[in-house]
Amino acid sequence: MVDVGGKAETRRVAVASGRIRMSVEALAAIRDGAVPKGDVLAAARIAGIMAAKKTAELIPLCHPLVLDAVTVDFTFEEDAVRATATASLSGRTGVEMEAMTATCVALLTIYDMAKAVDKAMIIEGVRLLEKRGGKSGDWRAAP
């Protein structure tokens, strides 16, 4: 694990996003609340937040962090649902892995809950969109 003990505490924020492509039927079922397992996006939101809080248990050498906030939001696209997670804290190390873990687990939860409607869904494009704070400063992905 990298020693971050000598680093100053700063406000840190990371935003990650990804999408799950699916059939028109699956997208409509999620949008209409007609998936047999229940409210897909509510479950995926909770799963993503819980995953962010457990990132250090899942990713080797990742520092355990006390997060100030985690949000997971969803938008419907033409053939997909996009998940965007934001994680923040005041600390000595960044929260990029927490935002990306939240995104991945939210998308996996959508798959799990909607697989009865569409087993061919594809999770894709998970990436860090931006990070703010810390020694290296702010960074934003190219569009």
Protein backbone atom coordinates (compact mmCIF):
# COMPACT_ATOMS: atom_id res chain seq x y z
CA MET A 1 0.00 0.00 0.00
CA VAL A 2 1.26 3.49 -0.79
CA ASP A 3 2.11 5.58 2.30
CA VAL A 4 -0.20 8.59 2.29
CA GLY A 5 0.50 9.58 5.91
CA GLY A 6 2.55 12.64 4.97
CA LYS A 7 0.04 14.01 2.47
CA ALA A 8 -2.24 16.91 3.36
CA GLU A 9 -5.96 16.32 3.64
CA THR A 10 -7.84 17.96 0.79
CA ARG A 11 -11.37 17.82 -0.60
CA ARG A 12 -11.51 15.05 -3.19
CA VAL A 13 -14.24 14.13 -5.65
CA ALA A 14 -14.38 11.51 -8.39
CA VAL A 15 -17.04 10.84 -11.02
CA ALA A 16 -17.28 7.60 -13.01
CA SER A 17 -19.78 6.37 -15.56
CA GLY A 18 -20.70 3.32 -17.62
CA ARG A 19 -23.69 1.87 -19.41
CA ILE A 20 -25.57 -1.36 -19.87
CA ARG A 21 -26.93 -1.93 -23.36
CA MET A 22 -30.12 -3.97 -23.65
CA SER A 23 -33.17 -4.85 -25.68
CA VAL A 24 -36.08 -2.48 -26.14
CA GLU A 25 -38.19 -4.85 -24.01
CA ALA A 26 -35.76 -4.81 -21.09
CA LEU A 27 -35.38 -1.03 -21.24
CA ALA A 28 -39.17 -0.59 -21.22
CA ALA A 29 -39.57 -3.05 -18.33
CA ILE A 30 -37.01 -1.15 -16.24
CA ARG A 31 -38.51 2.23 -17.12
CA ASP A 32 -42.07 1.03 -16.40
CA GLY A 33 -41.21 -0.82 -13.18
CA ALA A 34 -42.31 -4.11 -14.74
CA VAL A 35 -39.24 -6.24 -13.94
CA PRO A 36 -40.26 -9.30 -11.87
CA LYS A 37 -37.56 -8.73 -9.22
CA GLY A 38 -38.80 -5.21 -8.42
CA ASP A 39 -37.49 -1.66 -8.69
CA VAL A 40 -34.27 -2.18 -10.64
CA LEU A 41 -32.82 1.31 -10.35
CA ALA A 42 -33.54 1.64 -6.62
CA ALA A 43 -31.76 -1.65 -5.93
CA ALA A 44 -28.87 -0.71 -8.25
CA ARG A 45 -28.46 2.66 -6.52
CA ILE A 46 -28.23 1.05 -3.08
CA ALA A 47 -25.87 -1.65 -4.38
CA GLY A 48 -23.56 0.96 -5.92
CA ILE A 49 -23.41 2.99 -2.71
CA MET A 50 -22.73 -0.12 -0.63
CA ALA A 51 -20.01 -1.19 -3.06
CA ALA A 52 -18.25 2.19 -2.85
CA LYS A 53 -18.11 1.78 0.93
CA LYS A 54 -16.50 -1.67 0.53
CA THR A 55 -13.98 -0.84 -2.19
CA ALA A 56 -10.93 -1.47 0.03
CA GLU A 57 -12.24 -4.99 0.70
CA LEU A 58 -12.55 -5.71 -3.02
CA ILE A 59 -9.50 -4.03 -4.58
CA PRO A 60 -6.10 -5.14 -3.26
CA LEU A 61 -3.91 -2.37 -1.79
CA CYS A 62 -6.75 0.18 -1.90
CA HIS A 63 -6.90 2.36 1.20
CA PRO A 64 -10.02 2.05 3.36
CA LEU A 65 -11.69 5.45 3.20
CA VAL A 66 -14.32 7.27 5.23
CA LEU A 67 -16.52 8.65 2.48
CA ASP A 68 -18.46 11.87 2.96
CA ALA A 69 -20.93 11.12 0.16
CA VAL A 70 -21.69 8.71 -2.67
CA THR A 71 -24.41 9.21 -5.26
CA VAL A 72 -25.44 6.91 -8.08
CA ASP A 73 -27.66 8.36 -10.79
CA PHE A 74 -29.21 6.77 -13.86
CA THR A 75 -30.20 8.10 -17.26
CA PHE A 76 -32.04 6.28 -20.00
CA GLU A 77 -30.39 6.28 -23.40
CA GLU A 78 -31.80 5.00 -26.69
CA ASP A 79 -30.62 1.42 -26.09
CA ALA A 80 -29.11 1.51 -22.60
CA VAL A 81 -29.17 2.69 -19.02
CA ARG A 82 -26.22 4.85 -17.98
CA ALA A 83 -24.99 4.81 -14.38
CA THR A 84 -22.96 7.73 -13.06
CA ALA A 85 -21.43 7.58 -9.60
CA THR A 86 -19.87 10.42 -7.64
CA ALA A 87 -17.80 9.81 -4.51
CA SER A 88 -16.32 12.47 -2.24
CA LEU A 89 -14.36 12.95 0.97
CA SER A 90 -11.83 15.10 2.72
CA GLY A 91 -8.72 12.97 2.96
CA ARG A 92 -5.22 12.04 1.90
CA THR A 93 -6.03 9.86 -1.09
CA GLY A 94 -8.46 9.97 -3.98
CA VAL A 95 -11.83 8.33 -4.44
CA GLU A 96 -11.54 7.25 -8.07
CA MET A 97 -11.75 3.55 -7.25
CA GLU A 98 -14.82 4.10 -5.09
CA ALA A 99 -16.66 5.91 -7.90
CA MET A 100 -15.69 3.24 -10.43
CA THR A 101 -16.63 0.38 -8.09
CA ALA A 102 -20.02 1.99 -7.42
CA THR A 103 -20.61 2.29 -11.17
CA CYS A 104 -19.64 -1.32 -11.90
CA VAL A 105 -21.73 -2.82 -9.12
CA ALA A 106 -24.75 -0.68 -10.01
CA LEU A 107 -24.53 -1.94 -13.60
CA LEU A 108 -24.08 -5.55 -12.45
CA THR A 109 -27.16 -5.18 -10.27
CA ILE A 110 -29.19 -3.96 -13.23
CA TYR A 111 -28.02 -7.03 -15.14
CA ASP A 112 -28.93 -9.36 -12.28
CA MET A 113 -32.38 -7.89 -11.80
CA ALA A 114 -33.29 -7.70 -15.52
CA LYS A 115 -31.63 -10.88 -16.83
CA ALA A 116 -35.00 -12.67 -16.88
CA VAL A 117 -36.04 -10.19 -19.57
CA ASP A 118 -32.71 -9.99 -21.49
CA LYS A 119 -29.70 -12.24 -20.88
CA ALA A 120 -27.73 -10.58 -23.70
CA MET A 121 -27.24 -7.21 -21.98
CA ILE A 122 -23.76 -5.73 -22.38
CA ILE A 123 -21.95 -3.66 -19.76
CA GLU A 124 -19.57 -1.25 -21.45
CA GLY A 125 -17.66 1.98 -21.28
CA VAL A 126 -16.96 2.09 -17.56
CA ARG A 127 -14.46 4.88 -16.99
CA LEU A 128 -13.41 7.73 -14.80
CA LEU A 129 -14.91 11.00 -16.05
CA GLU A 130 -13.22 13.38 -13.65
CA LYS A 131 -11.39 13.75 -10.39
CA ARG A 132 -10.83 16.83 -8.30
CA GLY A 133 -8.43 17.58 -5.48
CA GLY A 134 -5.17 16.16 -4.24
CA LYS A 135 -1.56 16.75 -5.16
CA SER A 136 -2.07 16.04 -8.86
CA GLY A 137 -4.96 18.48 -9.08
CA ASP A 138 -8.03 18.24 -11.25
CA TRP A 139 -8.43 15.92 -14.24
CA ARG A 140 -11.22 15.44 -16.76
CA ALA A 141 -11.59 12.75 -19.43
CA ALA A 142 -11.64 13.78 -23.05
CA PRO A 143 -15.20 13.71 -24.47
